[in-house]
Amino acid sequence: MMHAEYTETEREMYDPNRLLDAVLKKMCWDNDATLARKLNVHANVIHRIRSGTLPLGASMLMWMQEATGMSIDELRQLMGDRRSRLRLSYA
């Protein structure tokens, strides 16, 4: 499990919706239901990410990378994740 330490400014810039919208636009997909189908997840997962009740995890980024051909770094930048390093928690 990753442990993220964000400053207040970073929390304000972090927006998974920006990433989801960019993926939809890049792939010319119509809506979140199509996105969910292409990523092989339930539509409720996309809804929960958009509403902020579910964090966008590493596995979702990998599935997006496979579906779009975009790099993980590019996807993270679109989401507003500007951390240069990720720290792992072994708890």
Protein backbone atom coordinates (compact mmCIF):
# COMPACT_ATOMS: atom_id res chain seq x y z
CA MET A 1 0.00 0.00 0.00
CA MET A 2 1.32 3.44 -0.90
CA HIS A 3 1.51 6.18 1.66
CA ALA A 4 1.05 9.66 0.24
CA GLU A 5 1.99 12.80 2.06
CA TYR A 6 0.39 15.82 0.40
CA THR A 7 0.66 19.47 1.29
CA GLU A 8 -2.55 21.53 1.29
CA THR A 9 -1.68 22.98 -2.13
CA GLU A 10 -1.07 19.51 -3.58
CA ARG A 11 -4.42 18.31 -2.22
CA GLU A 12 -6.14 21.20 -4.01
CA MET A 13 -4.39 20.36 -7.31
CA TYR A 14 -5.05 16.59 -7.11
CA ASP A 15 -8.09 15.83 -9.24
CA PRO A 16 -8.77 12.34 -10.60
CA ASN A 17 -11.71 13.78 -12.57
CA ARG A 18 -9.25 15.67 -14.77
CA LEU A 19 -7.55 12.36 -15.57
CA LEU A 20 -10.80 10.51 -16.25
CA ASP A 21 -12.00 13.32 -18.53
CA ALA A 22 -8.67 13.38 -20.41
CA VAL A 23 -8.80 9.62 -20.99
CA LEU A 24 -12.38 9.86 -22.24
CA LYS A 25 -11.41 12.65 -24.63
CA LYS A 26 -8.19 11.01 -25.88
CA MET A 27 -9.90 7.72 -26.61
CA CYS A 28 -13.08 9.36 -28.03
CA TRP A 29 -15.21 7.40 -25.58
CA ASP A 30 -18.69 8.71 -24.86
CA ASN A 31 -19.08 8.39 -21.11
CA ASP A 32 -17.99 6.82 -17.84
CA ALA A 33 -19.89 3.61 -18.62
CA THR A 34 -17.74 3.10 -21.71
CA LEU A 35 -14.61 3.93 -19.71
CA ALA A 36 -15.58 1.36 -17.08
CA ARG A 37 -16.18 -1.32 -19.75
CA LYS A 38 -12.83 -0.64 -21.43
CA LEU A 39 -11.02 -0.81 -18.06
CA ASN A 40 -12.94 -3.94 -17.02
CA VAL A 41 -14.32 -2.36 -13.84
CA HIS A 42 -17.85 -1.80 -12.61
CA ALA A 43 -19.29 1.63 -13.49
CA ASN A 44 -19.71 2.26 -9.77
CA VAL A 45 -15.91 2.23 -9.39
CA ILE A 46 -15.60 5.18 -11.78
CA HIS A 47 -18.45 6.96 -9.98
CA ARG A 48 -16.77 6.47 -6.59
CA ILE A 49 -13.44 7.76 -7.93
CA ARG A 50 -15.17 10.83 -9.36
CA SER A 51 -17.01 11.51 -6.10
CA GLY A 52 -13.83 11.15 -4.05
CA THR A 53 -14.96 8.16 -1.99
CA LEU A 54 -12.47 5.81 -3.66
CA PRO A 55 -8.86 6.76 -4.36
CA LEU A 56 -7.50 6.12 -7.81
CA GLY A 57 -5.03 3.30 -7.19
CA ALA A 58 -1.96 2.01 -8.95
CA SER A 59 -3.83 -0.87 -10.57
CA MET A 60 -6.30 1.57 -12.14
CA LEU A 61 -3.39 3.61 -13.52
CA MET A 62 -1.90 0.45 -15.04
CA TRP A 63 -5.23 -0.47 -16.65
CA MET A 64 -5.51 3.07 -18.04
CA GLN A 65 -1.97 2.82 -19.39
CA GLU A 66 -2.80 -0.43 -21.17
CA ALA A 67 -6.06 0.94 -22.59
CA THR A 68 -4.69 4.30 -23.75
CA GLY A 69 -0.99 3.81 -24.41
CA MET A 70 -0.23 6.83 -22.21
CA SER A 71 2.65 6.54 -19.74
CA ILE A 72 2.06 6.24 -16.00
CA ASP A 73 3.89 9.54 -15.53
CA GLU A 74 1.63 11.26 -18.05
CA LEU A 75 -1.46 9.86 -16.36
CA ARG A 76 -0.22 10.98 -12.92
CA GLN A 77 0.52 14.48 -14.27
CA LEU A 78 -3.02 14.74 -15.68
CA MET A 79 -4.37 13.79 -12.26
CA GLY A 80 -2.27 16.46 -10.57
CA ASP A 81 0.02 14.04 -8.74
CA ARG A 82 3.30 15.94 -8.83
CA ARG A 83 5.23 13.88 -6.28
CA SER A 84 8.62 12.86 -7.57
CA ARG A 85 8.70 9.74 -5.36
CA LEU A 86 6.13 7.37 -4.00
CA ARG A 87 6.71 5.91 -0.57
CA LEU A 88 5.59 2.41 0.25
CA SER A 89 4.04 1.56 3.56
CA TYR A 90 4.72 -1.94 4.88
CA ALA A 91 2.24 -1.69 7.73
